[in-house]
Amino acid sequence: MGRKRSVSSARRYRSGEAAKLVGMPAATLRIWEQRYGVISPPTSASGQRLYSDEDVSRLRTIKVLVDNGRPIGVIARLDNEQLKRLASGAGSAPPADDTHGATLFVVGFGGSMTSDLPAGVRYESFDSIEEIPPLADKAGAASGLAVRVEALREDTVLSIVAVAQSAHCDRILVVYAFGTRQAIELARLAGIRLARTFDALIHTCALLSDFVQSLTHEDDASSAGRRLRSRSPHRFDEKTLSKLARQSSTLACECPKHLVELVLQIAAFERYSDECMSRSPADALLHRHLGDAANMAVALFEDALAAVVEHEGWSLPLPVPDPRRDDR
């Protein structure tokens, strides 16, 4: 009974009070809890989070470490003893993910950009999504695209997707304050990572650091469905394909000719899908996905056709490089 009275009589603080004791905005505390799991306080019957003195002490230690340059994503899950040793200089945090060489295209964060991103991360800042230049290939492409908008609408999502694909950038973070349900569903369908916050300019570093860390956390298998696909340029033009269709083959079949026909037909469908009429932004995004799928199929059949060209020793007007080789 004595233990129960001791627990029930312990002082508890609401989130605003706890944040004030720690010396941080309540919004930051909420982000730390929701995104990094720094603490999981119990709640009252009315749903209010209630923090103990031990919770407040843990938060104070984490804040000191973050203020001294420790990434919140690296230290958030450490236990209290590890945090204390780290704060006293007697311990070391687990190594952060290797983000050296990562480059971000950052749109709409304005003067709130800081130099406090993880070591080795570079960024290029733009005022609007339209300022990002298209790229001929993935050389020089950014590792990720982070966009801040006040209002997320369907046409905004489509614009972001179009620019990201033209810049060969397949990892996208969109930070927004307000958004329609249709726009949010459309963004998720497109594989865009969403973060809703009303004070993005205050927490720019935390938002972007978390995004950068996610670029190295996600493996290809788990993240493939959440990425935009950058289309591959075609290896054969129509003139070359026509010549290949007329070549004499040592093979006792017409497979080379059929391969050429498949490449021509699927490439035509890719163009058709891009030009197809759409009744809504969701339709437009679906057609973009269909075009992407066709482009992927063309790439596979072009690989097969290139193997035939090599096997037969056929001469072509130009060499047949593989523009996708560096991306694999």
C-alpha atoms as a PDB file:
ATOM      1  CA  MET A   1       0.000   0.000   0.000  1.00  0.00           C
ATOM      2  CA  GLY A   2       2.855   2.359   0.820  1.00  0.00           C
ATOM      3  CA  ARG A   3       4.291   1.955  -2.698  1.00  0.00           C
ATOM      4  CA  LYS A   4       0.941   2.714  -4.280  1.00  0.00           C
ATOM      5  CA  ARG A   5       0.554   5.925  -2.282  1.00  0.00           C
ATOM      6  CA  SER A   6       4.106   6.903  -3.219  1.00  0.00           C
ATOM      7  CA  VAL A   7       3.417   6.441  -6.930  1.00  0.00           C
ATOM      8  CA  SER A   8       0.052   8.194  -6.876  1.00  0.00           C
ATOM      9  CA  SER A   9       1.424  11.123  -4.884  1.00  0.00           C
ATOM     10  CA  ALA A  10       4.389  11.685  -7.225  1.00  0.00           C
ATOM     11  CA  ARG A  11       4.301  15.039  -8.985  1.00  0.00           C
ATOM     12  CA  ARG A  12       3.075  14.920 -12.589  1.00  0.00           C
ATOM     13  CA  TYR A  13       3.299  17.651 -15.213  1.00  0.00           C
ATOM     14  CA  ARG A  14       1.235  18.285 -18.305  1.00  0.00           C
ATOM     15  CA  SER A  15       3.047  18.653 -21.640  1.00  0.00           C
ATOM     16  CA  GLY A  16       3.113  22.452 -21.554  1.00  0.00           C
ATOM     17  CA  GLU A  17       4.496  22.456 -18.015  1.00  0.00           C
ATOM     18  CA  ALA A  18       7.093  19.802 -18.816  1.00  0.00           C
ATOM     19  CA  ALA A  19       8.240  21.691 -21.919  1.00  0.00           C
ATOM     20  CA  LYS A  20       8.583  24.875 -19.883  1.00  0.00           C
ATOM     21  CA  LEU A  21      10.657  23.091 -17.215  1.00  0.00           C
ATOM     22  CA  VAL A  22      12.947  21.678 -19.916  1.00  0.00           C
ATOM     23  CA  GLY A  23      13.204  25.024 -21.686  1.00  0.00           C
ATOM     24  CA  MET A  24      11.840  24.027 -25.062  1.00  0.00           C
ATOM     25  CA  PRO A  25       8.680  24.715 -27.117  1.00  0.00           C
ATOM     26  CA  ALA A  26       5.813  22.309 -26.507  1.00  0.00           C
ATOM     27  CA  ALA A  27       5.654  21.737 -30.282  1.00  0.00           C
ATOM     28  CA  THR A  28       9.244  20.467 -30.280  1.00  0.00           C
ATOM     29  CA  LEU A  29       8.454  18.096 -27.436  1.00  0.00           C
ATOM     30  CA  ARG A  30       5.502  16.769 -29.424  1.00  0.00           C
ATOM     31  CA  ILE A  31       7.710  16.208 -32.516  1.00  0.00           C
ATOM     32  CA  TRP A  32      10.337  14.413 -30.416  1.00  0.00           C
ATOM     33  CA  GLU A  33       7.708  12.094 -29.003  1.00  0.00           C
ATOM     34  CA  GLN A  34       5.831  11.371 -32.227  1.00  0.00           C
ATOM     35  CA  ARG A  35       8.791  11.004 -34.585  1.00  0.00           C
ATOM     36  CA  TYR A  36      11.624   9.819 -32.387  1.00  0.00           C
ATOM     37  CA  GLY A  37       9.934   8.128 -29.425  1.00  0.00           C
ATOM     38  CA  VAL A  38      12.114   9.918 -26.887  1.00  0.00           C
ATOM     39  CA  ILE A  39       9.587   9.254 -24.131  1.00  0.00           C
ATOM     40  CA  SER A  40       6.197   7.617 -23.590  1.00  0.00           C
ATOM     41  CA  PRO A  41       4.495   9.206 -20.581  1.00  0.00           C
ATOM     42  CA  PRO A  42       1.242   7.795 -19.215  1.00  0.00           C
ATOM     43  CA  THR A  43      -1.973   9.660 -19.895  1.00  0.00           C
ATOM     44  CA  SER A  44      -4.811  10.785 -17.679  1.00  0.00           C
ATOM     45  CA  ALA A  45      -8.404   9.658 -18.100  1.00  0.00           C
ATOM     46  CA  SER A  46      -8.971  12.732 -20.270  1.00  0.00           C
ATOM     47  CA  GLY A  47      -6.001  11.871 -22.528  1.00  0.00           C
ATOM     48  CA  GLN A  48      -3.530  14.431 -21.129  1.00  0.00           C
ATOM     49  CA  ARG A  49       0.095  13.244 -21.162  1.00  0.00           C
ATOM     50  CA  LEU A  50       1.532  13.309 -17.634  1.00  0.00           C
ATOM     51  CA  TYR A  51       5.293  13.622 -17.128  1.00  0.00           C
ATOM     52  CA  SER A  52       7.203  12.606 -14.022  1.00  0.00           C
ATOM     53  CA  ASP A  53      10.291  14.313 -12.599  1.00  0.00           C
ATOM     54  CA  GLU A  54      12.339  11.480 -14.126  1.00  0.00           C
ATOM     55  CA  ASP A  55      10.790  12.180 -17.529  1.00  0.00           C
ATOM     56  CA  VAL A  56      11.633  15.877 -17.226  1.00  0.00           C
ATOM     57  CA  SER A  57      15.206  15.014 -16.240  1.00  0.00           C
ATOM     58  CA  ARG A  58      15.551  12.748 -19.291  1.00  0.00           C
ATOM     59  CA  LEU A  59      14.237  15.461 -21.570  1.00  0.00           C
ATOM     60  CA  ARG A  60      16.628  18.018 -20.087  1.00  0.00           C
ATOM     61  CA  THR A  61      19.581  15.711 -20.765  1.00  0.00           C
ATOM     62  CA  ILE A  62      18.477  15.072 -24.343  1.00  0.00           C
ATOM     63  CA  LYS A  63      18.017  18.797 -24.955  1.00  0.00           C
ATOM     64  CA  VAL A  64      21.524  19.530 -23.691  1.00  0.00           C
ATOM     65  CA  LEU A  65      22.954  16.887 -26.009  1.00  0.00           C
ATOM     66  CA  VAL A  66      20.980  18.157 -29.000  1.00  0.00           C
ATOM     67  CA  ASP A  67      22.050  21.741 -28.255  1.00  0.00           C
ATOM     68  CA  ASN A  68      25.635  20.472 -28.286  1.00  0.00           C
ATOM     69  CA  GLY A  69      25.233  19.016 -31.757  1.00  0.00           C
ATOM     70  CA  ARG A  70      24.050  15.437 -31.149  1.00  0.00           C
ATOM     71  CA  PRO A  71      21.431  14.357 -33.749  1.00  0.00           C
ATOM     72  CA  ILE A  72      18.124  13.676 -32.035  1.00  0.00           C
ATOM     73  CA  GLY A  73      17.550  10.636 -34.224  1.00  0.00           C
ATOM     74  CA  VAL A  74      20.753   9.042 -32.917  1.00  0.00           C
ATOM     75  CA  ILE A  75      20.251   9.571 -29.167  1.00  0.00           C
ATOM     76  CA  ALA A  76      16.453   9.413 -28.855  1.00  0.00           C
ATOM     77  CA  ARG A  77      16.322   5.706 -27.977  1.00  0.00           C
ATOM     78  CA  LEU A  78      19.239   5.621 -25.533  1.00  0.00           C
ATOM     79  CA  ASP A  79      18.361   4.714 -21.950  1.00  0.00           C
ATOM     80  CA  ASN A  80      18.820   7.225 -19.129  1.00  0.00           C
ATOM     81  CA  GLU A  81      22.190   5.847 -18.010  1.00  0.00           C
ATOM     82  CA  GLN A  82      23.582   6.019 -21.550  1.00  0.00           C
ATOM     83  CA  LEU A  83      22.355   9.581 -21.870  1.00  0.00           C
ATOM     84  CA  LYS A  84      23.968  10.590 -18.583  1.00  0.00           C
ATOM     85  CA  ARG A  85      27.305   9.035 -19.572  1.00  0.00           C
ATOM     86  CA  LEU A  86      27.120  10.746 -22.937  1.00  0.00           C
ATOM     87  CA  ALA A  87      26.328  14.102 -21.341  1.00  0.00           C
ATOM     88  CA  SER A  88      29.248  13.709 -18.915  1.00  0.00           C
ATOM     89  CA  GLY A  89      31.605  12.855 -21.773  1.00  0.00           C
ATOM     90  CA  ALA A  90      32.164   9.299 -20.548  1.00  0.00           C
ATOM     91  CA  GLY A  91      30.177   7.590 -23.268  1.00  0.00           C
ATOM     92  CA  SER A  92      29.628   7.739 -26.981  1.00  0.00           C
ATOM     93  CA  ALA A  93      26.472   7.619 -29.028  1.00  0.00           C
ATOM     94  CA  PRO A  94      25.918   4.892 -31.613  1.00  0.00           C
ATOM     95  CA  PRO A  95      27.383   5.918 -34.948  1.00  0.00           C
ATOM     96  CA  ALA A  96      25.013   7.918 -37.097  1.00  0.00           C
ATOM     97  CA  ASP A  97      24.119   6.664 -40.517  1.00  0.00           C
ATOM     98  CA  ASP A  98      26.630   7.503 -43.212  1.00  0.00           C
ATOM     99  CA  THR A  99      25.084  10.504 -44.935  1.00  0.00           C
ATOM    100  CA  HIS A 100      28.336  11.812 -46.428  1.00  0.00           C
ATOM    101  CA  GLY A 101      27.769  13.008 -49.951  1.00  0.00           C
ATOM    102  CA  ALA A 102      23.991  13.363 -49.639  1.00  0.00           C
ATOM    103  CA  THR A 103      22.574  16.352 -51.480  1.00  0.00           C
ATOM    104  CA  LEU A 104      19.159  17.900 -50.911  1.00  0.00           C
ATOM    105  CA  PHE A 105      17.076  20.124 -53.111  1.00  0.00           C
ATOM    106  CA  VAL A 106      15.192  22.257 -50.581  1.00  0.00           C
ATOM    107  CA  VAL A 107      12.183  24.359 -51.580  1.00  0.00           C
ATOM    108  CA  GLY A 108      10.228  26.900 -49.576  1.00  0.00           C
ATOM    109  CA  PHE A 109      12.235  26.972 -46.350  1.00  0.00           C
ATOM    110  CA  GLY A 110      13.732  30.391 -47.147  1.00  0.00           C
ATOM    111  CA  GLY A 111      15.973  32.010 -44.568  1.00  0.00           C
ATOM    112  CA  SER A 112      15.351  29.272 -42.012  1.00  0.00           C
ATOM    113  CA  MET A 113      17.973  27.037 -43.614  1.00  0.00           C
ATOM    114  CA  THR A 114      20.847  26.344 -41.246  1.00  0.00           C
ATOM    115  CA  SER A 115      24.236  24.692 -41.433  1.00  0.00           C
ATOM    116  CA  ASP A 116      23.334  22.221 -38.671  1.00  0.00           C
ATOM    117  CA  LEU A 117      22.508  19.309 -40.954  1.00  0.00           C
ATOM    118  CA  PRO A 118      24.464  16.049 -40.542  1.00  0.00           C
ATOM    119  CA  ALA A 119      28.124  16.198 -41.559  1.00  0.00           C
ATOM    120  CA  GLY A 120      28.726  15.856 -45.280  1.00  0.00           C
ATOM    121  CA  VAL A 121      25.186  16.838 -46.309  1.00  0.00           C
ATOM    122  CA  ARG A 122      24.935  19.552 -48.925  1.00  0.00           C
ATOM    123  CA  TYR A 123      21.816  21.393 -49.969  1.00  0.00           C
ATOM    124  CA  GLU A 124      20.656  23.733 -52.689  1.00  0.00           C
ATOM    125  CA  SER A 125      17.824  26.064 -51.753  1.00  0.00           C
ATOM    126  CA  PHE A 126      15.038  27.257 -54.056  1.00  0.00           C
ATOM    127  CA  ASP A 127      12.120  29.610 -53.486  1.00  0.00           C
ATOM    128  CA  SER A 128       9.724  27.616 -55.689  1.00  0.00           C
ATOM    129  CA  ILE A 129       9.533  24.145 -57.191  1.00  0.00           C
ATOM    130  CA  GLU A 130       9.672  25.578 -60.713  1.00  0.00           C
ATOM    131  CA  GLU A 131      13.233  26.844 -60.133  1.00  0.00           C
ATOM    132  CA  ILE A 132      14.675  23.324 -59.998  1.00  0.00           C
ATOM    133  CA  PRO A 133      16.333  22.636 -63.358  1.00  0.00           C
ATOM    134  CA  PRO A 134      15.638  19.425 -65.287  1.00  0.00           C
ATOM    135  CA  LEU A 135      18.544  17.020 -65.696  1.00  0.00           C
ATOM    136  CA  ALA A 136      19.406  14.907 -68.713  1.00  0.00           C
ATOM    137  CA  ASP A 137      20.431  11.981 -66.488  1.00  0.00           C
ATOM    138  CA  LYS A 138      21.012  11.109 -62.840  1.00  0.00           C
ATOM    139  CA  ALA A 139      24.512  12.597 -62.792  1.00  0.00           C
ATOM    140  CA  GLY A 140      24.288  15.529 -60.401  1.00  0.00           C
ATOM    141  CA  ALA A 141      20.831  14.571 -59.172  1.00  0.00           C
ATOM    142  CA  ALA A 142      19.957  15.254 -55.549  1.00  0.00           C
ATOM    143  CA  SER A 143      19.588  12.442 -53.021  1.00  0.00           C
ATOM    144  CA  GLY A 144      16.256  13.876 -51.926  1.00  0.00           C
ATOM    145  CA  LEU A 145      13.800  16.718 -52.466  1.00  0.00           C
ATOM    146  CA  ALA A 146      12.261  18.524 -49.482  1.00  0.00           C
ATOM    147  CA  VAL A 147       9.394  20.931 -50.155  1.00  0.00           C
ATOM    148  CA  ARG A 148       7.519  23.171 -47.698  1.00  0.00           C
ATOM    149  CA  VAL A 149       4.053  24.381 -48.646  1.00  0.00           C
ATOM    150  CA  GLU A 150       1.372  26.043 -46.579  1.00  0.00           C
ATOM    151  CA  ALA A 151      -1.479  24.328 -48.411  1.00  0.00           C
ATOM    152  CA  LEU A 152      -1.229  20.912 -50.043  1.00  0.00           C
ATOM    153  CA  ARG A 153      -3.557  20.594 -53.027  1.00  0.00           C
ATOM    154  CA  GLU A 154      -3.820  18.034 -55.798  1.00  0.00           C
ATOM    155  CA  ASP A 155      -2.265  20.292 -58.426  1.00  0.00           C
ATOM    156  CA  THR A 156       0.608  21.007 -56.015  1.00  0.00           C
ATOM    157  CA  VAL A 157       1.291  17.279 -55.665  1.00  0.00           C
ATOM    158  CA  LEU A 158       1.316  16.823 -59.444  1.00  0.00           C
ATOM    159  CA  SER A 159       3.718  19.750 -59.891  1.00  0.00           C
ATOM    160  CA  ILE A 160       6.101  18.324 -57.282  1.00  0.00           C
ATOM    161  CA  VAL A 161       5.983  14.879 -58.897  1.00  0.00           C
ATOM    162  CA  ALA A 162       6.637  16.293 -62.376  1.00  0.00           C
ATOM    163  CA  VAL A 163       9.603  18.390 -61.256  1.00  0.00           C
ATOM    164  CA  ALA A 164      11.052  15.554 -59.168  1.00  0.00           C
ATOM    165  CA  GLN A 165      10.969  13.203 -62.130  1.00  0.00           C
ATOM    166  CA  SER A 166      12.526  15.737 -64.492  1.00  0.00           C
ATOM    167  CA  ALA A 167      15.294  16.254 -61.913  1.00  0.00           C
ATOM    168  CA  HIS A 168      15.753  12.467 -61.418  1.00  0.00           C
ATOM    169  CA  CYS A 169      14.978  12.796 -57.710  1.00  0.00           C
ATOM    170  CA  ASP A 170      13.006   9.821 -56.365  1.00  0.00           C
ATOM    171  CA  ARG A 171      12.897  10.586 -52.613  1.00  0.00           C
ATOM    172  CA  ILE A 172      10.516  13.380 -51.631  1.00  0.00           C
ATOM    173  CA  LEU A 173       9.522  14.981 -48.355  1.00  0.00           C
ATOM    174  CA  VAL A 174       6.623  17.447 -48.336  1.00  0.00           C
ATOM    175  CA  VAL A 175       6.052  19.509 -45.200  1.00  0.00           C
ATOM    176  CA  TYR A 176       2.633  21.154 -45.092  1.00  0.00           C
ATOM    177  CA  ALA A 177       0.336  22.962 -42.695  1.00  0.00           C
ATOM    178  CA  PHE A 178      -3.031  22.309 -44.342  1.00  0.00           C
ATOM    179  CA  GLY A 179      -4.080  19.857 -47.016  1.00  0.00           C
ATOM    180  CA  THR A 180      -7.131  18.308 -48.612  1.00  0.00           C
ATOM    181  CA  ARG A 181      -7.838  14.607 -48.099  1.00  0.00           C
ATOM    182  CA  GLN A 182      -7.596  14.018 -51.846  1.00  0.00           C
ATOM    183  CA  ALA A 183      -4.186  15.715 -52.032  1.00  0.00           C
ATOM    184  CA  ILE A 184      -2.849  13.697 -49.107  1.00  0.00           C
ATOM    185  CA  GLU A 185      -4.030  10.419 -50.647  1.00  0.00           C
ATOM    186  CA  LEU A 186      -2.531  11.450 -53.989  1.00  0.00           C
ATOM    187  CA  ALA A 187       0.823  12.273 -52.380  1.00  0.00           C
ATOM    188  CA  ARG A 188       0.938   8.916 -50.620  1.00  0.00           C
ATOM    189  CA  LEU A 189       0.046   7.146 -53.859  1.00  0.00           C
ATOM    190  CA  ALA A 190       3.008   8.907 -55.469  1.00  0.00           C
ATOM    191  CA  GLY A 191       5.350   7.666 -52.747  1.00  0.00           C
ATOM    192  CA  ILE A 192       5.823  11.080 -51.150  1.00  0.00           C
ATOM    193  CA  ARG A 193       6.756  11.246 -47.481  1.00  0.00           C
ATOM    194  CA  LEU A 194       4.481  13.700 -45.657  1.00  0.00           C
ATOM    195  CA  ALA A 195       5.030  15.723 -42.496  1.00  0.00           C
ATOM    196  CA  ARG A 196       2.322  18.018 -41.180  1.00  0.00           C
ATOM    197  CA  THR A 197       3.481  20.829 -38.908  1.00  0.00           C
ATOM    198  CA  PHE A 198       2.545  24.462 -38.393  1.00  0.00           C
ATOM    199  CA  ASP A 199       6.041  25.582 -37.346  1.00  0.00           C
ATOM    200  CA  ALA A 200       8.273  24.040 -40.014  1.00  0.00           C
ATOM    201  CA  LEU A 201      10.472  27.125 -40.210  1.00  0.00           C
ATOM    202  CA  ILE A 202      11.320  26.767 -36.521  1.00  0.00           C
ATOM    203  CA  HIS A 203      12.138  23.069 -36.810  1.00  0.00           C
ATOM    204  CA  THR A 204      13.796  23.071 -40.232  1.00  0.00           C
ATOM    205  CA  CYS A 205      16.974  21.359 -39.047  1.00  0.00           C
ATOM    206  CA  ALA A 206      15.124  18.559 -37.217  1.00  0.00           C
ATOM    207  CA  LEU A 207      12.812  17.901 -40.172  1.00  0.00           C
ATOM    208  CA  LEU A 208      15.602  17.797 -42.742  1.00  0.00           C
ATOM    209  CA  SER A 209      17.986  15.821 -40.529  1.00  0.00           C
ATOM    210  CA  ASP A 210      15.300  13.201 -40.025  1.00  0.00           C
ATOM    211  CA  PHE A 211      14.709  13.081 -43.784  1.00  0.00           C
ATOM    212  CA  VAL A 212      18.412  12.708 -44.522  1.00  0.00           C
ATOM    213  CA  GLN A 213      18.689   9.865 -42.016  1.00  0.00           C
ATOM    214  CA  SER A 214      15.734   8.136 -43.682  1.00  0.00           C
ATOM    215  CA  LEU A 215      17.573   8.161 -47.018  1.00  0.00           C
ATOM    216  CA  THR A 216      20.101   5.708 -45.582  1.00  0.00           C
ATOM    217  CA  HIS A 217      17.678   3.793 -43.336  1.00  0.00           C
ATOM    218  CA  GLU A 218      15.510   2.535 -46.172  1.00  0.00           C
ATOM    219  CA  ASP A 219      16.790  -0.393 -48.189  1.00  0.00           C
ATOM    220  CA  ASP A 220      15.841  -0.859 -51.811  1.00  0.00           C
ATOM    221  CA  ALA A 221      13.304  -3.607 -51.133  1.00  0.00           C
ATOM    222  CA  SER A 222      11.356  -1.737 -48.481  1.00  0.00           C
ATOM    223  CA  SER A 223      11.399   1.668 -50.123  1.00  0.00           C
ATOM    224  CA  ALA A 224      10.968   0.835 -53.811  1.00  0.00           C
ATOM    225  CA  GLY A 225       7.211   1.246 -53.615  1.00  0.00           C
ATOM    226  CA  ARG A 226       7.579   4.634 -51.926  1.00  0.00           C
ATOM    227  CA  ARG A 227       9.918   6.160 -54.483  1.00  0.00           C
ATOM    228  CA  LEU A 228       9.263   7.961 -57.692  1.00  0.00           C
ATOM    229  CA  ARG A 229      10.825   6.209 -60.628  1.00  0.00           C
ATOM    230  CA  SER A 230      13.129   8.237 -62.846  1.00  0.00           C
ATOM    231  CA  ARG A 231      12.644   7.137 -66.423  1.00  0.00           C
ATOM    232  CA  SER A 232      15.503   5.722 -68.441  1.00  0.00           C
ATOM    233  CA  PRO A 233      16.351   7.253 -71.806  1.00  0.00           C
ATOM    234  CA  HIS A 234      15.772   4.873 -74.705  1.00  0.00           C
ATOM    235  CA  ARG A 235      18.888   3.133 -76.008  1.00  0.00           C
ATOM    236  CA  PHE A 236      17.666   2.724 -79.595  1.00  0.00           C
ATOM    237  CA  ASP A 237      15.972   5.326 -81.765  1.00  0.00           C
ATOM    238  CA  GLU A 238      13.355   4.331 -84.348  1.00  0.00           C
ATOM    239  CA  LYS A 239      15.830   4.485 -87.243  1.00  0.00           C
ATOM    240  CA  THR A 240      18.177   2.055 -85.511  1.00  0.00           C
ATOM    241  CA  LEU A 241      15.294  -0.238 -84.568  1.00  0.00           C
ATOM    242  CA  SER A 242      14.100  -0.319 -88.179  1.00  0.00           C
ATOM    243  CA  LYS A 243      17.588  -1.321 -89.312  1.00  0.00           C
ATOM    244  CA  LEU A 244      17.791  -4.068 -86.674  1.00  0.00           C
ATOM    245  CA  ALA A 245      14.417  -5.470 -87.782  1.00  0.00           C
ATOM    246  CA  ARG A 246      15.818  -5.949 -91.309  1.00  0.00           C
ATOM    247  CA  GLN A 247      19.092  -7.583 -90.235  1.00  0.00           C
ATOM    248  CA  SER A 248      19.771 -11.193 -91.169  1.00  0.00           C
ATOM    249  CA  SER A 249      20.139 -13.316 -88.079  1.00  0.00           C
ATOM    250  CA  THR A 250      22.005 -16.561 -87.439  1.00  0.00           C
ATOM    251  CA  LEU A 251      19.152 -17.584 -85.160  1.00  0.00           C
ATOM    252  CA  ALA A 252      16.665 -20.023 -86.654  1.00  0.00           C
ATOM    253  CA  CYS A 253      13.714 -17.857 -85.616  1.00  0.00           C
ATOM    254  CA  GLU A 254      12.379 -14.336 -85.773  1.00  0.00           C
ATOM    255  CA  CYS A 255      12.937 -13.469 -82.106  1.00  0.00           C
ATOM    256  CA  PRO A 256      15.181 -10.442 -82.901  1.00  0.00           C
ATOM    257  CA  LYS A 257      12.460  -9.003 -85.133  1.00  0.00           C
ATOM    258  CA  HIS A 258       9.797  -9.623 -82.488  1.00  0.00           C
ATOM    259  CA  LEU A 259      11.971  -7.926 -79.865  1.00  0.00           C
ATOM    260  CA  VAL A 260      12.199  -4.844 -82.081  1.00  0.00           C
ATOM    261  CA  GLU A 261       8.421  -4.867 -82.518  1.00  0.00           C
ATOM    262  CA  LEU A 262       7.887  -5.120 -78.767  1.00  0.00           C
ATOM    263  CA  VAL A 263      10.230  -2.204 -78.087  1.00  0.00           C
ATOM    264  CA  LEU A 264       8.446  -0.067 -80.680  1.00  0.00           C
ATOM    265  CA  GLN A 265       4.976  -0.968 -79.391  1.00  0.00           C
ATOM    266  CA  ILE A 266       5.720  -0.451 -75.704  1.00  0.00           C
ATOM    267  CA  ALA A 267       7.565   2.808 -76.384  1.00  0.00           C
ATOM    268  CA  ALA A 268       4.511   3.958 -78.323  1.00  0.00           C
ATOM    269  CA  PHE A 269       2.293   3.078 -75.355  1.00  0.00           C
ATOM    270  CA  GLU A 270       4.615   5.051 -73.062  1.00  0.00           C
ATOM    271  CA  ARG A 271       4.101   8.143 -75.226  1.00  0.00           C
ATOM    272  CA  TYR A 272       0.365   7.461 -75.507  1.00  0.00           C
ATOM    273  CA  SER A 273      -0.017   7.166 -71.723  1.00  0.00           C
ATOM    274  CA  ASP A 274       1.803  10.463 -71.207  1.00  0.00           C
ATOM    275  CA  GLU A 275      -0.548  12.210 -73.621  1.00  0.00           C
ATOM    276  CA  CYS A 276      -3.758  10.480 -72.511  1.00  0.00           C
ATOM    277  CA  MET A 277      -6.613  12.632 -71.247  1.00  0.00           C
ATOM    278  CA  SER A 278      -7.150  12.659 -67.484  1.00  0.00           C
ATOM    279  CA  ARG A 279     -10.382  13.534 -65.732  1.00  0.00           C
ATOM    280  CA  SER A 280      -8.722  14.270 -62.386  1.00  0.00           C
ATOM    281  CA  PRO A 281      -5.300  14.649 -60.746  1.00  0.00           C
ATOM    282  CA  ALA A 282      -5.564  11.026 -59.599  1.00  0.00           C
ATOM    283  CA  ASP A 283      -6.087   9.985 -63.232  1.00  0.00           C
ATOM    284  CA  ALA A 284      -3.047  12.007 -64.246  1.00  0.00           C
ATOM    285  CA  LEU A 285      -0.910  10.326 -61.621  1.00  0.00           C
ATOM    286  CA  LEU A 286      -2.169   6.895 -62.682  1.00  0.00           C
ATOM    287  CA  HIS A 287      -1.216   7.620 -66.293  1.00  0.00           C
ATOM    288  CA  ARG A 288       2.200   8.734 -65.112  1.00  0.00           C
ATOM    289  CA  HIS A 289       2.600   5.374 -63.366  1.00  0.00           C
ATOM    290  CA  LEU A 290       1.481   3.561 -66.519  1.00  0.00           C
ATOM    291  CA  GLY A 291       4.072   5.456 -68.528  1.00  0.00           C
ATOM    292  CA  ASP A 292       6.711   4.609 -65.931  1.00  0.00           C
ATOM    293  CA  ALA A 293       5.812   0.918 -66.150  1.00  0.00           C
ATOM    294  CA  ALA A 294       6.035   1.035 -69.936  1.00  0.00           C
ATOM    295  CA  ASN A 295       9.414   2.747 -69.716  1.00  0.00           C
ATOM    296  CA  MET A 296      10.664   0.004 -67.398  1.00  0.00           C
ATOM    297  CA  ALA A 297       9.434  -2.661 -69.821  1.00  0.00           C
ATOM    298  CA  VAL A 298      11.139  -0.920 -72.750  1.00  0.00           C
ATOM    299  CA  ALA A 299      14.393  -0.900 -70.780  1.00  0.00           C
ATOM    300  CA  LEU A 300      14.154  -4.654 -70.147  1.00  0.00           C
ATOM    301  CA  PHE A 301      13.466  -5.498 -73.789  1.00  0.00           C
ATOM    302  CA  GLU A 302      16.202  -3.121 -74.936  1.00  0.00           C
ATOM    303  CA  ASP A 303      18.624  -5.015 -72.697  1.00  0.00           C
ATOM    304  CA  ALA A 304      17.556  -8.229 -74.416  1.00  0.00           C
ATOM    305  CA  LEU A 305      17.899  -6.624 -77.834  1.00  0.00           C
ATOM    306  CA  ALA A 306      21.366  -5.341 -76.975  1.00  0.00           C
ATOM    307  CA  ALA A 307      22.344  -8.916 -76.071  1.00  0.00           C
ATOM    308  CA  VAL A 308      21.146 -10.052 -79.511  1.00  0.00           C
ATOM    309  CA  VAL A 309      23.147  -7.279 -81.208  1.00  0.00           C
ATOM    310  CA  GLU A 310      26.273  -8.366 -79.351  1.00  0.00           C
ATOM    311  CA  HIS A 311      25.663 -12.065 -80.089  1.00  0.00           C
ATOM    312  CA  GLU A 312      25.139 -11.434 -83.803  1.00  0.00           C
ATOM    313  CA  GLY A 313      27.997  -8.938 -84.077  1.00  0.00           C
ATOM    314  CA  TRP A 314      25.791  -6.453 -85.867  1.00  0.00           C
ATOM    315  CA  SER A 315      27.149  -3.010 -86.602  1.00  0.00           C
ATOM    316  CA  LEU A 316      25.104  -0.003 -85.594  1.00  0.00           C
ATOM    317  CA  PRO A 317      25.297   3.661 -86.634  1.00  0.00           C
ATOM    318  CA  LEU A 318      26.309   4.556 -83.067  1.00  0.00           C
ATOM    319  CA  PRO A 319      27.583   2.578 -80.073  1.00  0.00           C
ATOM    320  CA  VAL A 320      24.895   1.124 -77.842  1.00  0.00           C
ATOM    321  CA  PRO A 321      25.780   2.304 -74.314  1.00  0.00           C
ATOM    322  CA  ASP A 322      23.605   1.423 -71.361  1.00  0.00           C
ATOM    323  CA  PRO A 323      22.490   4.741 -69.824  1.00  0.00           C
ATOM    324  CA  ARG A 324      21.093   2.867 -66.809  1.00  0.00           C
ATOM    325  CA  ARG A 325      24.306   1.088 -65.864  1.00  0.00           C
ATOM    326  CA  ASP A 326      25.386   3.752 -63.364  1.00  0.00           C
ATOM    327  CA  ASP A 327      21.995   3.642 -61.650  1.00  0.00           C
ATOM    328  CA  ARG A 328      21.979  -0.033 -60.814  1.00  0.00           C
END
